[in-house]
Amino acid sequence: GALENFATHYWHDDRRRPRSDRPRTEFGEIFGHGGVV
């Protein structure tokens, strides 16, 4: 359910139209610095 409501990643350097849906970052066991959704 969360994945369905999750905003897809896009990059500034994507020049294609439409832009590619980029894979999301997965943090693993260490995520206190940046892993919260």
Full PDB file with SEQRES, HELIX, SHEET, SSBOND, CRYST1, ORIGX, SCALE, CONECT and MASTER records, all heavy atoms in Angstrom:
SEQRES   1 A   37  GLY ALA LEU GLU ASN PHE ALA THR HIS TYR TRP HIS ASP          
SEQRES   2 A   37  ASP ARG ARG ARG PRO ARG SER ASP ARG PRO ARG THR GLU          
SEQRES   3 A   37  PHE GLY GLU ILE PHE GLY HIS GLY GLY VAL VAL                  
CRYST1    1.000    1.000    1.000  90.00  90.00  90.00 P 1           1          
ORIGX1      1.000000  0.000000  0.000000        0.00000                         
ORIGX2      0.000000  1.000000  0.000000        0.00000                         
ORIGX3      0.000000  0.000000  1.000000        0.00000                         
SCALE1      1.000000  0.000000  0.000000        0.00000                         
SCALE2      0.000000  1.000000  0.000000        0.00000                         
SCALE3      0.000000  0.000000  1.000000        0.00000                         
ATOM      1  N   GLY A   1       0.814  -1.207   0.000  1.00  0.00           N  
ATOM      2  CA  GLY A   1       0.000   0.000   0.000  1.00  0.00           C  
ATOM      3  C   GLY A   1       0.850   1.260   0.000  1.00  0.00           C  
ATOM      4  O   GLY A   1       0.544   2.228  -0.703  1.00  0.00           O  
ATOM      5  N   ALA A   2       1.921   1.252   0.793  1.00  0.00           N  
ATOM      6  CA  ALA A   2       2.804   2.413   0.852  1.00  0.00           C  
ATOM      7  C   ALA A   2       3.501   2.628  -0.487  1.00  0.00           C  
ATOM      8  O   ALA A   2       3.638   3.767  -0.956  1.00  0.00           O  
ATOM      9  CB  ALA A   2       3.829   2.238   1.965  1.00  0.00           C  
ATOM     10  N   LEU A   3       3.926   1.550  -1.121  1.00  0.00           N  
ATOM     11  CA  LEU A   3       4.606   1.667  -2.410  1.00  0.00           C  
ATOM     12  C   LEU A   3       3.693   2.259  -3.470  1.00  0.00           C  
ATOM     13  O   LEU A   3       4.140   3.025  -4.331  1.00  0.00           O  
ATOM     14  CB  LEU A   3       5.118   0.296  -2.860  1.00  0.00           C  
ATOM     15  CG  LEU A   3       6.342  -0.237  -2.107  1.00  0.00           C  
ATOM     16  CD1 LEU A   3       6.594  -1.698  -2.464  1.00  0.00           C  
ATOM     17  CD2 LEU A   3       7.578   0.606  -2.418  1.00  0.00           C  
ATOM     18  N   GLU A   4       2.412   1.936  -3.412  1.00  0.00           N  
ATOM     19  CA  GLU A   4       1.460   2.487  -4.379  1.00  0.00           C  
ATOM     20  C   GLU A   4       1.318   3.997  -4.206  1.00  0.00           C  
ATOM     21  O   GLU A   4       1.110   4.737  -5.161  1.00  0.00           O  
ATOM     22  CB  GLU A   4       0.101   1.801  -4.222  1.00  0.00           C  
ATOM     23  CG  GLU A   4      -1.017   2.387  -5.074  1.00  0.00           C  
ATOM     24  CD  GLU A   4      -0.733   2.328  -6.575  1.00  0.00           C  
ATOM     25  OE1 GLU A   4       0.032   1.441  -7.010  1.00  0.00           O  
ATOM     26  OE2 GLU A   4      -1.298   3.166  -7.304  1.00  0.00           O  
ATOM     27  N   ASN A   5       1.447   4.478  -2.968  1.00  0.00           N  
ATOM     28  CA  ASN A   5       1.281   5.902  -2.673  1.00  0.00           C  
ATOM     29  C   ASN A   5       2.612   6.642  -2.624  1.00  0.00           C  
ATOM     30  O   ASN A   5       2.666   7.813  -2.266  1.00  0.00           O  
ATOM     31  CB  ASN A   5       0.548   6.074  -1.333  1.00  0.00           C  
ATOM     32  CG  ASN A   5       0.070   7.489  -1.108  1.00  0.00           C  
ATOM     33  OD1 ASN A   5      -0.308   8.183  -2.055  1.00  0.00           O  
ATOM     34  ND2 ASN A   5       0.099   7.932   0.124  1.00  0.00           N  
ATOM     35  N   PHE A   6       3.689   5.963  -2.995  1.00  0.00           N  
ATOM     36  CA  PHE A   6       5.042   6.521  -2.903  1.00  0.00           C  
ATOM     37  C   PHE A   6       5.389   7.280  -4.176  1.00  0.00           C  
ATOM     38  O   PHE A   6       5.138   6.809  -5.287  1.00  0.00           O  
ATOM     39  CB  PHE A   6       6.029   5.378  -2.676  1.00  0.00           C  
ATOM     40  CG  PHE A   6       7.463   5.791  -2.539  1.00  0.00           C  
ATOM     41  CD1 PHE A   6       7.886   6.527  -1.446  1.00  0.00           C  
ATOM     42  CD2 PHE A   6       8.399   5.433  -3.503  1.00  0.00           C  
ATOM     43  CE1 PHE A   6       9.219   6.895  -1.301  1.00  0.00           C  
ATOM     44  CE2 PHE A   6       9.729   5.790  -3.373  1.00  0.00           C  
ATOM     45  CZ  PHE A   6      10.148   6.526  -2.271  1.00  0.00           C  
ATOM     46  N   ALA A   7       5.956   8.459  -4.018  1.00  0.00           N  
ATOM     47  CA  ALA A   7       6.359   9.269  -5.172  1.00  0.00           C  
ATOM     48  C   ALA A   7       7.601   8.678  -5.830  1.00  0.00           C  
ATOM     49  O   ALA A   7       8.617   8.451  -5.179  1.00  0.00           O  
ATOM     50  CB  ALA A   7       6.628  10.704  -4.727  1.00  0.00           C  
ATOM     51  N   THR A   8       7.506   8.453  -7.117  1.00  0.00           N  
ATOM     52  CA  THR A   8       8.613   7.883  -7.871  1.00  0.00           C  
ATOM     53  C   THR A   8       9.775   8.872  -7.962  1.00  0.00           C  
ATOM     54  O   THR A   8       9.574  10.079  -8.057  1.00  0.00           O  
ATOM     55  CB  THR A   8       8.144   7.513  -9.290  1.00  0.00           C  
ATOM     56  OG1 THR A   8       7.123   6.521  -9.180  1.00  0.00           O  
ATOM     57  CG2 THR A   8       9.282   6.948 -10.125  1.00  0.00           C  
ATOM     58  N   HIS A   9      10.992   8.354  -7.943  1.00  0.00           N  
ATOM     59  CA  HIS A   9      12.199   9.177  -8.080  1.00  0.00           C  
ATOM     60  C   HIS A   9      12.399   9.611  -9.529  1.00  0.00           C  
ATOM     61  O   HIS A   9      12.246   8.808 -10.454  1.00  0.00           O  
ATOM     62  CB  HIS A   9      13.437   8.370  -7.669  1.00  0.00           C  
ATOM     63  CG  HIS A   9      13.503   8.041  -6.219  1.00  0.00           C  
ATOM     64  ND1 HIS A   9      14.643   8.221  -5.478  1.00  0.00           N  
ATOM     65  CD2 HIS A   9      12.583   7.554  -5.350  1.00  0.00           C  
ATOM     66  CE1 HIS A   9      14.433   7.841  -4.227  1.00  0.00           C  
ATOM     67  NE2 HIS A   9      13.193   7.430  -4.135  1.00  0.00           N  
ATOM     68  N   TYR A  10      12.785  10.873  -9.702  1.00  0.00           N  
ATOM     69  CA  TYR A  10      13.215  11.360 -11.020  1.00  0.00           C  
ATOM     70  C   TYR A  10      14.484  12.172 -10.837  1.00  0.00           C  
ATOM     71  O   TYR A  10      14.712  12.765  -9.788  1.00  0.00           O  
ATOM     72  CB  TYR A  10      12.115  12.206 -11.681  1.00  0.00           C  
ATOM     73  CG  TYR A  10      10.863  11.405 -11.928  1.00  0.00           C  
ATOM     74  CD1 TYR A  10       9.803  11.455 -11.024  1.00  0.00           C  
ATOM     75  CD2 TYR A  10      10.752  10.558 -13.030  1.00  0.00           C  
ATOM     76  CE1 TYR A  10       8.658  10.699 -11.225  1.00  0.00           C  
ATOM     77  CE2 TYR A  10       9.620   9.790 -13.233  1.00  0.00           C  
ATOM     78  CZ  TYR A  10       8.569   9.865 -12.333  1.00  0.00           C  
ATOM     79  OH  TYR A  10       7.456   9.095 -12.516  1.00  0.00           O  
ATOM     80  N   TRP A  11      15.308  12.217 -11.892  1.00  0.00           N  
ATOM     81  CA  TRP A  11      16.606  12.871 -11.802  1.00  0.00           C  
ATOM     82  C   TRP A  11      16.680  14.085 -12.720  1.00  0.00           C  
ATOM     83  O   TRP A  11      16.121  14.090 -13.810  1.00  0.00           O  
ATOM     84  CB  TRP A  11      17.726  11.894 -12.187  1.00  0.00           C  
ATOM     85  CG  TRP A  11      17.989  10.845 -11.156  1.00  0.00           C  
ATOM     86  CD1 TRP A  11      17.338  10.656  -9.974  1.00  0.00           C  
ATOM     87  CD2 TRP A  11      18.980   9.833 -11.224  1.00  0.00           C  
ATOM     88  NE1 TRP A  11      17.857   9.594  -9.292  1.00  0.00           N  
ATOM     89  CE2 TRP A  11      18.872   9.065 -10.042  1.00  0.00           C  
ATOM     90  CE3 TRP A  11      19.942   9.498 -12.158  1.00  0.00           C  
ATOM     91  CZ2 TRP A  11      19.702   7.981  -9.769  1.00  0.00           C  
ATOM     92  CZ3 TRP A  11      20.768   8.420 -11.895  1.00  0.00           C  
ATOM     93  CH2 TRP A  11      20.653   7.676 -10.712  1.00  0.00           C  
ATOM     94  N   HIS A  12      17.445  15.078 -12.295  1.00  0.00           N  
ATOM     95  CA  HIS A  12      17.652  16.287 -13.093  1.00  0.00           C  
ATOM     96  C   HIS A  12      18.254  15.965 -14.449  1.00  0.00           C  
ATOM     97  O   HIS A  12      17.947  16.636 -15.440  1.00  0.00           O  
ATOM     98  CB  HIS A  12      18.592  17.252 -12.362  1.00  0.00           C  
ATOM     99  CG  HIS A  12      17.947  18.010 -11.254  1.00  0.00           C  
ATOM    100  ND1 HIS A  12      17.226  19.159 -11.457  1.00  0.00           N  
ATOM    101  CD2 HIS A  12      17.898  17.782  -9.914  1.00  0.00           C  
ATOM    102  CE1 HIS A  12      16.779  19.627 -10.305  1.00  0.00           C  
ATOM    103  NE2 HIS A  12      17.161  18.796  -9.353  1.00  0.00           N  
ATOM    104  N   ASP A  13      19.115  14.982 -14.523  1.00  0.00           N  
ATOM    105  CA  ASP A  13      19.836  14.707 -15.769  1.00  0.00           C  
ATOM    106  C   ASP A  13      19.053  13.846 -16.751  1.00  0.00           C  
ATOM    107  O   ASP A  13      19.544  13.517 -17.827  1.00  0.00           O  
ATOM    108  CB  ASP A  13      21.179  14.021 -15.461  1.00  0.00           C  
ATOM    109  CG  ASP A  13      22.220  15.028 -15.014  1.00  0.00           C  
ATOM    110  OD1 ASP A  13      21.829  15.989 -14.316  1.00  0.00           O  
ATOM    111  OD2 ASP A  13      23.402  14.862 -15.334  1.00  0.00           O  
ATOM    112  N   ASP A  14      17.827  13.460 -16.380  1.00  0.00           N  
ATOM    113  CA  ASP A  14      17.003  12.704 -17.317  1.00  0.00           C  
ATOM    114  C   ASP A  14      16.531  13.639 -18.429  1.00  0.00           C  
ATOM    115  O   ASP A  14      15.752  14.560 -18.185  1.00  0.00           O  
ATOM    116  CB  ASP A  14      15.782  12.103 -16.613  1.00  0.00           C  
ATOM    117  CG  ASP A  14      16.156  10.946 -15.711  1.00  0.00           C  
ATOM    118  OD1 ASP A  14      17.262  10.420 -15.868  1.00  0.00           O  
ATOM    119  OD2 ASP A  14      15.340  10.579 -14.842  1.00  0.00           O  
ATOM    120  N   ARG A  15      16.989  13.404 -19.633  1.00  0.00           N  
ATOM    121  CA  ARG A  15      16.602  14.254 -20.756  1.00  0.00           C  
ATOM    122  C   ARG A  15      15.509  13.624 -21.611  1.00  0.00           C  
ATOM    123  O   ARG A  15      14.989  14.248 -22.534  1.00  0.00           O  
ATOM    124  CB  ARG A  15      17.833  14.537 -21.636  1.00  0.00           C  
ATOM    125  CG  ARG A  15      18.982  15.203 -20.878  1.00  0.00           C  
ATOM    126  CD  ARG A  15      18.560  16.500 -20.232  1.00  0.00           C  
ATOM    127  NE  ARG A  15      19.665  17.144 -19.532  1.00  0.00           N  
ATOM    128  CZ  ARG A  15      19.513  18.167 -18.696  1.00  0.00           C  
ATOM    129  NH1 ARG A  15      18.301  18.640 -18.458  1.00  0.00           N  
ATOM    130  NH2 ARG A  15      20.565  18.693 -18.100  1.00  0.00           N  
ATOM    131  N   ARG A  16      15.205  12.391 -21.310  1.00  0.00           N  
ATOM    132  CA  ARG A  16      14.183  11.714 -22.096  1.00  0.00           C  
ATOM    133  C   ARG A  16      12.797  12.232 -21.733  1.00  0.00           C  
ATOM    134  O   ARG A  16      12.543  12.643 -20.615  1.00  0.00           O  
ATOM    135  CB  ARG A  16      14.239  10.201 -21.861  1.00  0.00           C  
ATOM    136  CG  ARG A  16      15.503   9.559 -22.378  1.00  0.00           C  
ATOM    137  CD  ARG A  16      15.551   8.088 -21.988  1.00  0.00           C  
ATOM    138  NE  ARG A  16      15.677   7.924 -20.539  1.00  0.00           N  
ATOM    139  CZ  ARG A  16      16.832   8.001 -19.893  1.00  0.00           C  
ATOM    140  NH1 ARG A  16      17.939   8.262 -20.556  1.00  0.00           N  
ATOM    141  NH2 ARG A  16      16.886   7.841 -18.590  1.00  0.00           N  
ATOM    142  N   ARG A  17      11.890  12.210 -22.691  1.00  0.00           N  
ATOM    143  CA  ARG A  17      10.495  12.542 -22.429  1.00  0.00           C  
ATOM    144  C   ARG A  17       9.628  11.411 -22.956  1.00  0.00           C  
ATOM    145  O   ARG A  17       9.687  11.107 -24.140  1.00  0.00           O  
ATOM    146  CB  ARG A  17      10.106  13.869 -23.107  1.00  0.00           C  
ATOM    147  CG  ARG A  17      10.792  15.075 -22.501  1.00  0.00           C  
ATOM    148  CD  ARG A  17      10.298  15.317 -21.057  1.00  0.00           C  
ATOM    149  NE  ARG A  17      10.851  16.531 -20.495  1.00  0.00           N  
ATOM    150  CZ  ARG A  17      11.978  16.583 -19.802  1.00  0.00           C  
ATOM    151  NH1 ARG A  17      12.683  15.485 -19.609  1.00  0.00           N  
ATOM    152  NH2 ARG A  17      12.419  17.710 -19.310  1.00  0.00           N  
ATOM    153  N   PRO A  18       8.841  10.734 -22.147  1.00  0.00           N  
ATOM    154  CA  PRO A  18       8.697  11.023 -20.729  1.00  0.00           C  
ATOM    155  C   PRO A  18       9.908  10.529 -19.930  1.00  0.00           C  
ATOM    156  O   PRO A  18      10.611   9.622 -20.364  1.00  0.00           O  
ATOM    157  CB  PRO A  18       7.450  10.240 -20.328  1.00  0.00           C  
ATOM    158  CG  PRO A  18       7.439   9.079 -21.258  1.00  0.00           C  
ATOM    159  CD  PRO A  18       7.969   9.619 -22.569  1.00  0.00           C  
ATOM    160  N   ARG A  19      10.125  11.120 -18.788  1.00  0.00           N  
ATOM    161  CA  ARG A  19      11.232  10.707 -17.930  1.00  0.00           C  
ATOM    162  C   ARG A  19      11.045   9.267 -17.466  1.00  0.00           C  
ATOM    163  O   ARG A  19       9.931   8.777 -17.320  1.00  0.00           O  
ATOM    164  CB  ARG A  19      11.305  11.611 -16.705  1.00  0.00           C  
ATOM    165  CG  ARG A  19      11.887  12.973 -16.995  1.00  0.00           C  
ATOM    166  CD  ARG A  19      11.811  13.830 -15.767  1.00  0.00           C  
ATOM    167  NE  ARG A  19      12.620  15.040 -15.932  1.00  0.00           N  
ATOM    168  CZ  ARG A  19      12.521  16.094 -15.170  1.00  0.00           C  
ATOM    169  NH1 ARG A  19      11.656  16.106 -14.180  1.00  0.00           N  
ATOM    170  NH2 ARG A  19      13.272  17.146 -15.373  1.00  0.00           N  
ATOM    171  N   SER A  20      12.174   8.633 -17.186  1.00  0.00           N  
ATOM    172  CA  SER A  20      12.138   7.266 -16.690  1.00  0.00           C  
ATOM    173  C   SER A  20      11.777   7.261 -15.210  1.00  0.00           C  
ATOM    174  O   SER A  20      12.207   8.124 -14.446  1.00  0.00           O  
ATOM    175  CB  SER A  20      13.506   6.604 -16.866  1.00  0.00           C  
ATOM    176  OG  SER A  20      13.891   6.581 -18.210  1.00  0.00           O  
ATOM    177  N   ASP A  21      10.975   6.279 -14.794  1.00  0.00           N  
ATOM    178  CA  ASP A  21      10.733   6.054 -13.372  1.00  0.00           C  
ATOM    179  C   ASP A  21      11.991   5.427 -12.793  1.00  0.00           C  
ATOM    180  O   ASP A  21      12.346   4.292 -13.139  1.00  0.00           O  
ATOM    181  CB  ASP A  21       9.546   5.106 -13.159  1.00  0.00           C  
ATOM    182  CG  ASP A  21       8.215   5.745 -13.516  1.00  0.00           C  
ATOM    183  OD1 ASP A  21       8.208   6.931 -13.902  1.00  0.00           O  
ATOM    184  OD2 ASP A  21       7.186   5.061 -13.403  1.00  0.00           O  
ATOM    185  N   ARG A  22      12.699   6.151 -11.940  1.00  0.00           N  
ATOM    186  CA  ARG A  22      13.940   5.652 -11.368  1.00  0.00           C  
ATOM    187  C   ARG A  22      13.663   4.731 -10.184  1.00  0.00           C  
ATOM    188  O   ARG A  22      12.701   4.929  -9.437  1.00  0.00           O  
ATOM    189  CB  ARG A  22      14.800   6.818 -10.896  1.00  0.00           C  
ATOM    190  CG  ARG A  22      15.376   7.649 -12.039  1.00  0.00           C  
ATOM    191  CD  ARG A  22      16.508   6.924 -12.724  1.00  0.00           C  
ATOM    192  NE  ARG A  22      17.134   7.748 -13.756  1.00  0.00           N  
ATOM    193  CZ  ARG A  22      18.181   7.368 -14.454  1.00  0.00           C  
ATOM    194  NH1 ARG A  22      18.727   6.185 -14.240  1.00  0.00           N  
ATOM    195  NH2 ARG A  22      18.707   8.156 -15.370  1.00  0.00           N  
ATOM    196  N   PRO A  23      14.502   3.707  -9.981  1.00  0.00           N  
ATOM    197  CA  PRO A  23      14.312   2.825  -8.826  1.00  0.00           C  
ATOM    198  C   PRO A  23      14.559   3.587  -7.528  1.00  0.00           C  
ATOM    199  O   PRO A  23      15.412   4.474  -7.467  1.00  0.00           O  
ATOM    200  CB  PRO A  23      15.356   1.730  -9.035  1.00  0.00           C  
ATOM    201  CG  PRO A  23      16.408   2.370  -9.890  1.00  0.00           C  
ATOM    202  CD  PRO A  23      15.677   3.319 -10.791  1.00  0.00           C  
ATOM    203  N   ARG A  24      13.812   3.244  -6.488  1.00  0.00           N  
ATOM    204  CA  ARG A  24      13.946   3.945  -5.212  1.00  0.00           C  
ATOM    205  C   ARG A  24      15.195   3.464  -4.472  1.00  0.00           C  
ATOM    206  O   ARG A  24      15.686   2.351  -4.688  1.00  0.00           O  
ATOM    207  CB  ARG A  24      12.705   3.721  -4.338  1.00  0.00           C  
ATOM    208  CG  ARG A  24      12.506   2.287  -3.872  1.00  0.00           C  
ATOM    209  CD  ARG A  24      11.188   2.145  -3.114  1.00  0.00           C  
ATOM    210  NE  ARG A  24      10.974   0.777  -2.674  1.00  0.00           N  
ATOM    211  CZ  ARG A  24      11.403   0.285  -1.523  1.00  0.00           C  
ATOM    212  NH1 ARG A  24      12.070   1.066  -0.686  1.00  0.00           N  
ATOM    213  NH2 ARG A  24      11.169  -0.959  -1.182  1.00  0.00           N  
ATOM    214  N   THR A  25      15.687   4.303  -3.594  1.00  0.00           N  
ATOM    215  CA  THR A  25      16.834   3.953  -2.766  1.00  0.00           C  
ATOM    216  C   THR A  25      16.390   3.071  -1.605  1.00  0.00           C  
ATOM    217  O   THR A  25      15.373   3.342  -0.975  1.00  0.00           O  
ATOM    218  CB  THR A  25      17.495   5.224  -2.198  1.00  0.00           C  
ATOM    219  OG1 THR A  25      17.957   6.028  -3.286  1.00  0.00           O  
ATOM    220  CG2 THR A  25      18.664   4.888  -1.294  1.00  0.00           C  
ATOM    221  N   GLU A  26      17.138   2.019  -1.338  1.00  0.00           N  
ATOM    222  CA  GLU A  26      16.888   1.170  -0.178  1.00  0.00           C  
ATOM    223  C   GLU A  26      18.095   1.270   0.748  1.00  0.00           C  
ATOM    224  O   GLU A  26      19.232   1.140   0.310  1.00  0.00           O  
ATOM    225  CB  GLU A  26      16.645  -0.277  -0.626  1.00  0.00           C  
ATOM    226  CG  GLU A  26      15.400  -0.411  -1.506  1.00  0.00           C  
ATOM    227  CD  GLU A  26      15.062  -1.861  -1.811  1.00  0.00           C  
ATOM    228  OE1 GLU A  26      14.943  -2.653  -0.852  1.00  0.00           O  
ATOM    229  OE2 GLU A  26      14.923  -2.194  -2.999  1.00  0.00           O  
ATOM    230  N   PHE A  27      17.825   1.500   2.051  1.00  0.00           N  
ATOM    231  CA  PHE A  27      18.895   1.845   2.980  1.00  0.00           C  
ATOM    232  C   PHE A  27      19.510   0.662   3.716  1.00  0.00           C  
ATOM    233  O   PHE A  27      20.620   0.759   4.205  1.00  0.00           O  
ATOM    234  CB  PHE A  27      18.382   2.860   4.003  1.00  0.00           C  
ATOM    235  CG  PHE A  27      18.316   4.258   3.459  1.00  0.00           C  
ATOM    236  CD1 PHE A  27      17.259   4.652   2.651  1.00  0.00           C  
ATOM    237  CD2 PHE A  27      19.315   5.169   3.722  1.00  0.00           C  
ATOM    238  CE1 PHE A  27      17.202   5.930   2.131  1.00  0.00           C  
ATOM    239  CE2 PHE A  27      19.272   6.453   3.209  1.00  0.00           C  
ATOM    240  CZ  PHE A  27      18.207   6.838   2.412  1.00  0.00           C  
ATOM    241  N   GLY A  28      18.823  -0.426   3.835  1.00  0.00           N  
ATOM    242  CA  GLY A  28      19.369  -1.533   4.598  1.00  0.00           C  
ATOM    243  C   GLY A  28      19.235  -1.314   6.091  1.00  0.00           C  
ATOM    244  O   GLY A  28      18.300  -0.659   6.562  1.00  0.00           O  
ATOM    245  N   GLU A  29      20.210  -1.804   6.875  1.00  0.00           N  
ATOM    246  CA  GLU A  29      20.113  -1.771   8.334  1.00  0.00           C  
ATOM    247  C   GLU A  29      20.470  -0.406   8.935  1.00  0.00           C  
ATOM    248  O   GLU A  29      20.089  -0.103  10.066  1.00  0.00           O  
ATOM    249  CB  GLU A  29      21.041  -2.837   8.929  1.00  0.00           C  
ATOM    250  CG  GLU A  29      20.648  -4.257   8.586  1.00  0.00           C  
ATOM    251  CD  GLU A  29      21.650  -5.280   9.093  1.00  0.00           C  
ATOM    252  OE1 GLU A  29      22.866  -5.126   8.817  1.00  0.00           O  
ATOM    253  OE2 GLU A  29      21.215  -6.238   9.776  1.00  0.00           O  
ATOM    254  N   ILE A  30      21.179   0.416   8.207  1.00  0.00           N  
ATOM    255  CA  ILE A  30      21.622   1.721   8.716  1.00  0.00           C  
ATOM    256  C   ILE A  30      20.894   2.818   7.956  1.00  0.00           C  
ATOM    257  O   ILE A  30      21.111   3.014   6.761  1.00  0.00           O  
ATOM    258  CB  ILE A  30      23.151   1.889   8.559  1.00  0.00           C  
ATOM    259  CG1 ILE A  30      23.896   0.741   9.235  1.00  0.00           C  
ATOM    260  CG2 ILE A  30      23.600   3.237   9.107  1.00  0.00           C  
ATOM    261  CD1 ILE A  30      23.629   0.629  10.738  1.00  0.00           C  
ATOM    262  N   PHE A  31      19.998   3.545   8.659  1.00  0.00           N  
ATOM    263  CA  PHE A  31      19.173   4.524   7.953  1.00  0.00           C  
ATOM    264  C   PHE A  31      18.796   5.742   8.795  1.00  0.00           C  
ATOM    265  O   PHE A  31      18.006   6.582   8.352  1.00  0.00           O  
ATOM    266  CB  PHE A  31      17.872   3.860   7.471  1.00  0.00           C  
ATOM    267  CG  PHE A  31      17.054   3.251   8.578  1.00  0.00           C  
ATOM    268  CD1 PHE A  31      16.185   4.027   9.330  1.00  0.00           C  
ATOM    269  CD2 PHE A  31      17.165   1.899   8.885  1.00  0.00           C  
ATOM    270  CE1 PHE A  31      15.438   3.466  10.361  1.00  0.00           C  
ATOM    271  CE2 PHE A  31      16.421   1.337   9.915  1.00  0.00           C  
ATOM    272  CZ  PHE A  31      15.552   2.124  10.652  1.00  0.00           C  
ATOM    273  N   GLY A  32      19.367   5.888   9.987  1.00  0.00           N  
ATOM    274  CA  GLY A  32      18.993   7.007  10.845  1.00  0.00           C  
ATOM    275  C   GLY A  32      19.322   8.367  10.262  1.00  0.00           C  
ATOM    276  O   GLY A  32      18.788   9.389  10.698  1.00  0.00           O  
ATOM    277  N   HIS A  33      20.179   8.384   9.242  1.00  0.00           N  
ATOM    278  CA  HIS A  33      20.593   9.636   8.609  1.00  0.00           C  
ATOM    279  C   HIS A  33      19.696  10.064   7.468  1.00  0.00           C  
ATOM    280  O   HIS A  33      19.728  11.221   7.059  1.00  0.00           O  
ATOM    281  CB  HIS A  33      22.010   9.481   8.061  1.00  0.00           C  
ATOM    282  CG  HIS A  33      22.132   8.392   7.040  1.00  0.00           C  
ATOM    283  ND1 HIS A  33      21.928   7.051   7.343  1.00  0.00           N  
ATOM    284  CD2 HIS A  33      22.426   8.426   5.707  1.00  0.00           C  
ATOM    285  CE1 HIS A  33      22.097   6.326   6.258  1.00  0.00           C  
ATOM    286  NE2 HIS A  33      22.393   7.136   5.262  1.00  0.00           N  
ATOM    287  N   GLY A  34      18.860   9.128   6.919  1.00  0.00           N  
ATOM    288  CA  GLY A  34      18.108   9.540   5.740  1.00  0.00           C  
ATOM    289  C   GLY A  34      17.033   8.609   5.239  1.00  0.00           C  
ATOM    290  O   GLY A  34      16.497   8.826   4.155  1.00  0.00           O  
ATOM    291  N   GLY A  35      16.676   7.554   5.964  1.00  0.00           N  
ATOM    292  CA  GLY A  35      15.815   6.529   5.403  1.00  0.00           C  
ATOM    293  C   GLY A  35      14.332   6.626   5.662  1.00  0.00           C  
ATOM    294  O   GLY A  35      13.566   5.771   5.225  1.00  0.00           O  
ATOM    295  N   VAL A  36      13.858   7.662   6.352  1.00  0.00           N  
ATOM    296  CA  VAL A  36      12.446   7.753   6.713  1.00  0.00           C  
ATOM    297  C   VAL A  36      11.598   8.170   5.503  1.00  0.00           C  
ATOM    298  O   VAL A  36      12.004   9.016   4.702  1.00  0.00           O  
ATOM    299  CB  VAL A  36      12.228   8.744   7.869  1.00  0.00           C  
ATOM    300  CG1 VAL A  36      10.746   8.977   8.149  1.00  0.00           C  
ATOM    301  CG2 VAL A  36      12.922   8.233   9.128  1.00  0.00           C  
ATOM    302  N   VAL A  37      10.427   7.563   5.379  1.00  0.00           N  
ATOM    303  CA  VAL A  37       9.453   7.876   4.340  1.00  0.00           C  
ATOM    304  C   VAL A  37       8.231   8.485   5.018  1.00  0.00           C  
ATOM    305  O   VAL A  37       7.694   7.918   5.975  1.00  0.00           O  
ATOM    306  CB  VAL A  37       9.046   6.598   3.567  1.00  0.00           C  
ATOM    307  CG1 VAL A  37       7.909   6.880   2.598  1.00  0.00           C  
ATOM    308  CG2 VAL A  37      10.258   6.029   2.824  1.00  0.00           C  
TER     309      VAL A  37                                                      
MASTER        0    0    0    0    0    0    0    6  308    1    0    3          
END                                                                             
